[in-house]
């Protein structure tokens, strides 16, 4: 089962920081998200992209987790030559995690 089967995600950016929220479709699935998605696991999943720390923030009343990834966007929008300089596609990459 992939993360996308039980949750959706949204990415945002500020400078060289990407933040991805993962929100369970059903609140009943939040506990599974919380146990399966540690900051370390997300850091490993994005190892080729993220050069800094990954911090996880739990939002249990919303059934969501928010991951803040430092040094994840090649210097940020004004410095990066990446096609997706804002990192919006990273939410789709997150949803490919195997549960």
C-alpha atoms as a PDB file:
ATOM      1  CA  UNK A   1       0.000   0.000   0.000  1.00  0.00           C
ATOM      2  CA  UNK A   2       1.255   3.480  -0.855  1.00  0.00           C
ATOM      3  CA  UNK A   3       0.820   6.589   1.253  1.00  0.00           C
ATOM      4  CA  UNK A   4      -1.408   8.010  -1.499  1.00  0.00           C
ATOM      5  CA  UNK A   5      -3.967   5.290  -0.721  1.00  0.00           C
ATOM      6  CA  UNK A   6      -4.781   6.796   2.693  1.00  0.00           C
ATOM      7  CA  UNK A   7      -3.669  10.440   2.458  1.00  0.00           C
ATOM      8  CA  UNK A   8      -3.175  13.467   0.278  1.00  0.00           C
ATOM      9  CA  UNK A   9      -0.357  16.009   0.472  1.00  0.00           C
ATOM     10  CA  UNK A  10       0.378  19.654  -0.200  1.00  0.00           C
ATOM     11  CA  UNK A  11       3.787  21.288  -0.581  1.00  0.00           C
ATOM     12  CA  UNK A  12       4.859  24.841   0.139  1.00  0.00           C
ATOM     13  CA  UNK A  13       8.161  26.710   0.128  1.00  0.00           C
ATOM     14  CA  UNK A  14      10.008  29.588   1.730  1.00  0.00           C
ATOM     15  CA  UNK A  15      13.491  30.213   0.438  1.00  0.00           C
ATOM     16  CA  UNK A  16      15.408  26.929   0.484  1.00  0.00           C
ATOM     17  CA  UNK A  17      12.871  25.266   2.803  1.00  0.00           C
ATOM     18  CA  UNK A  18      10.174  22.909   1.569  1.00  0.00           C
ATOM     19  CA  UNK A  19       7.287  21.998   3.789  1.00  0.00           C
ATOM     20  CA  UNK A  20       4.919  19.158   2.998  1.00  0.00           C
ATOM     21  CA  UNK A  21       1.675  18.476   4.804  1.00  0.00           C
ATOM     22  CA  UNK A  22       0.325  14.929   4.705  1.00  0.00           C
ATOM     23  CA  UNK A  23      -3.379  14.724   5.567  1.00  0.00           C
ATOM     24  CA  UNK A  24      -5.261  11.483   6.147  1.00  0.00           C
ATOM     25  CA  UNK A  25      -8.411  11.042   4.086  1.00  0.00           C
ATOM     26  CA  UNK A  26     -10.036   9.510   7.176  1.00  0.00           C
ATOM     27  CA  UNK A  27      -9.153  10.499  10.743  1.00  0.00           C
ATOM     28  CA  UNK A  28      -9.053   6.775  11.580  1.00  0.00           C
ATOM     29  CA  UNK A  29      -5.909   6.468   9.445  1.00  0.00           C
ATOM     30  CA  UNK A  30      -3.983   9.184  11.298  1.00  0.00           C
ATOM     31  CA  UNK A  31      -2.395   6.732  13.758  1.00  0.00           C
ATOM     32  CA  UNK A  32      -0.994   4.772  10.820  1.00  0.00           C
ATOM     33  CA  UNK A  33       0.503   7.933   9.338  1.00  0.00           C
ATOM     34  CA  UNK A  34       2.044   8.865  12.661  1.00  0.00           C
ATOM     35  CA  UNK A  35       3.671   5.470  13.151  1.00  0.00           C
ATOM     36  CA  UNK A  36       4.852   5.056   9.541  1.00  0.00           C
ATOM     37  CA  UNK A  37       6.209   8.539   8.802  1.00  0.00           C
ATOM     38  CA  UNK A  38       9.065   9.558  11.054  1.00  0.00           C
ATOM     39  CA  UNK A  39      11.282  12.515  10.197  1.00  0.00           C
ATOM     40  CA  UNK A  40      14.100  10.017   9.594  1.00  0.00           C
ATOM     41  CA  UNK A  41      12.047   7.985   7.130  1.00  0.00           C
ATOM     42  CA  UNK A  42      11.037  11.080   5.186  1.00  0.00           C
ATOM     43  CA  UNK A  43      14.667  12.295   5.193  1.00  0.00           C
ATOM     44  CA  UNK A  44      15.765   8.939   3.762  1.00  0.00           C
ATOM     45  CA  UNK A  45      13.027   9.054   1.109  1.00  0.00           C
ATOM     46  CA  UNK A  46      14.239  12.488  -0.031  1.00  0.00           C
ATOM     47  CA  UNK A  47      17.966  11.780   0.471  1.00  0.00           C
ATOM     48  CA  UNK A  48      18.847  12.809  -3.097  1.00  0.00           C
ATOM     49  CA  UNK A  49      17.114  16.173  -2.671  1.00  0.00           C
ATOM     50  CA  UNK A  50      17.200  17.281   0.962  1.00  0.00           C
ATOM     51  CA  UNK A  51      20.609  18.412   2.220  1.00  0.00           C
ATOM     52  CA  UNK A  52      19.482  19.593   5.660  1.00  0.00           C
ATOM     53  CA  UNK A  53      17.368  18.604   8.628  1.00  0.00           C
ATOM     54  CA  UNK A  54      13.801  17.273   8.427  1.00  0.00           C
ATOM     55  CA  UNK A  55      11.456  18.135  11.291  1.00  0.00           C
ATOM     56  CA  UNK A  56       8.023  16.555  11.755  1.00  0.00           C
ATOM     57  CA  UNK A  57       5.137  18.451  13.338  1.00  0.00           C
ATOM     58  CA  UNK A  58       2.091  16.407  14.386  1.00  0.00           C
ATOM     59  CA  UNK A  59      -1.395  17.883  14.028  1.00  0.00           C
ATOM     60  CA  UNK A  60      -3.558  15.055  15.430  1.00  0.00           C
ATOM     61  CA  UNK A  61      -6.793  17.059  15.599  1.00  0.00           C
ATOM     62  CA  UNK A  62      -6.485  17.641  11.851  1.00  0.00           C
ATOM     63  CA  UNK A  63      -5.308  14.116  11.066  1.00  0.00           C
ATOM     64  CA  UNK A  64      -2.162  15.607   9.560  1.00  0.00           C
ATOM     65  CA  UNK A  65       1.618  15.672   9.756  1.00  0.00           C
ATOM     66  CA  UNK A  66       3.749  18.550   8.500  1.00  0.00           C
ATOM     67  CA  UNK A  67       7.357  18.008   7.451  1.00  0.00           C
ATOM     68  CA  UNK A  68       9.754  20.960   7.240  1.00  0.00           C
ATOM     69  CA  UNK A  69      12.792  20.119   5.108  1.00  0.00           C
ATOM     70  CA  UNK A  70      15.808  22.437   5.287  1.00  0.00           C
ATOM     71  CA  UNK A  71      18.093  22.969   2.262  1.00  0.00           C
ATOM     72  CA  UNK A  72      15.669  21.144  -0.002  1.00  0.00           C
ATOM     73  CA  UNK A  73      15.222  23.472  -2.970  1.00  0.00           C
ATOM     74  CA  UNK A  74      18.667  24.035  -4.414  1.00  0.00           C
ATOM     75  CA  UNK A  75      19.047  27.436  -2.779  1.00  0.00           C
ATOM     76  CA  UNK A  76      15.465  28.597  -3.308  1.00  0.00           C
ATOM     77  CA  UNK A  77      13.455  29.957  -6.214  1.00  0.00           C
ATOM     78  CA  UNK A  78      15.778  32.841  -7.028  1.00  0.00           C
ATOM     79  CA  UNK A  79      18.903  30.641  -7.038  1.00  0.00           C
ATOM     80  CA  UNK A  80      17.727  27.316  -8.406  1.00  0.00           C
ATOM     81  CA  UNK A  81      17.687  26.286 -12.056  1.00  0.00           C
ATOM     82  CA  UNK A  82      15.300  23.414 -11.283  1.00  0.00           C
ATOM     83  CA  UNK A  83      12.163  23.099 -13.406  1.00  0.00           C
ATOM     84  CA  UNK A  84      10.114  22.906 -10.187  1.00  0.00           C
ATOM     85  CA  UNK A  85      11.929  25.578  -8.195  1.00  0.00           C
ATOM     86  CA  UNK A  86       9.043  25.878  -5.709  1.00  0.00           C
ATOM     87  CA  UNK A  87       9.114  22.119  -5.036  1.00  0.00           C
ATOM     88  CA  UNK A  88       5.379  21.645  -5.570  1.00  0.00           C
ATOM     89  CA  UNK A  89       5.914  18.191  -7.100  1.00  0.00           C
ATOM     90  CA  UNK A  90       7.558  16.991  -3.873  1.00  0.00           C
ATOM     91  CA  UNK A  91       4.117  16.303  -2.417  1.00  0.00           C
ATOM     92  CA  UNK A  92       3.603  13.706  -5.157  1.00  0.00           C
ATOM     93  CA  UNK A  93       6.999  12.198  -4.386  1.00  0.00           C
ATOM     94  CA  UNK A  94       6.009  11.969  -0.711  1.00  0.00           C
ATOM     95  CA  UNK A  95       2.845  10.057  -1.617  1.00  0.00           C
ATOM     96  CA  UNK A  96       4.954   7.300  -3.219  1.00  0.00           C
ATOM     97  CA  UNK A  97       6.203   6.117   0.190  1.00  0.00           C
ATOM     98  CA  UNK A  98       5.357   2.460   0.768  1.00  0.00           C
ATOM     99  CA  UNK A  99       3.444   1.823   3.985  1.00  0.00           C
END
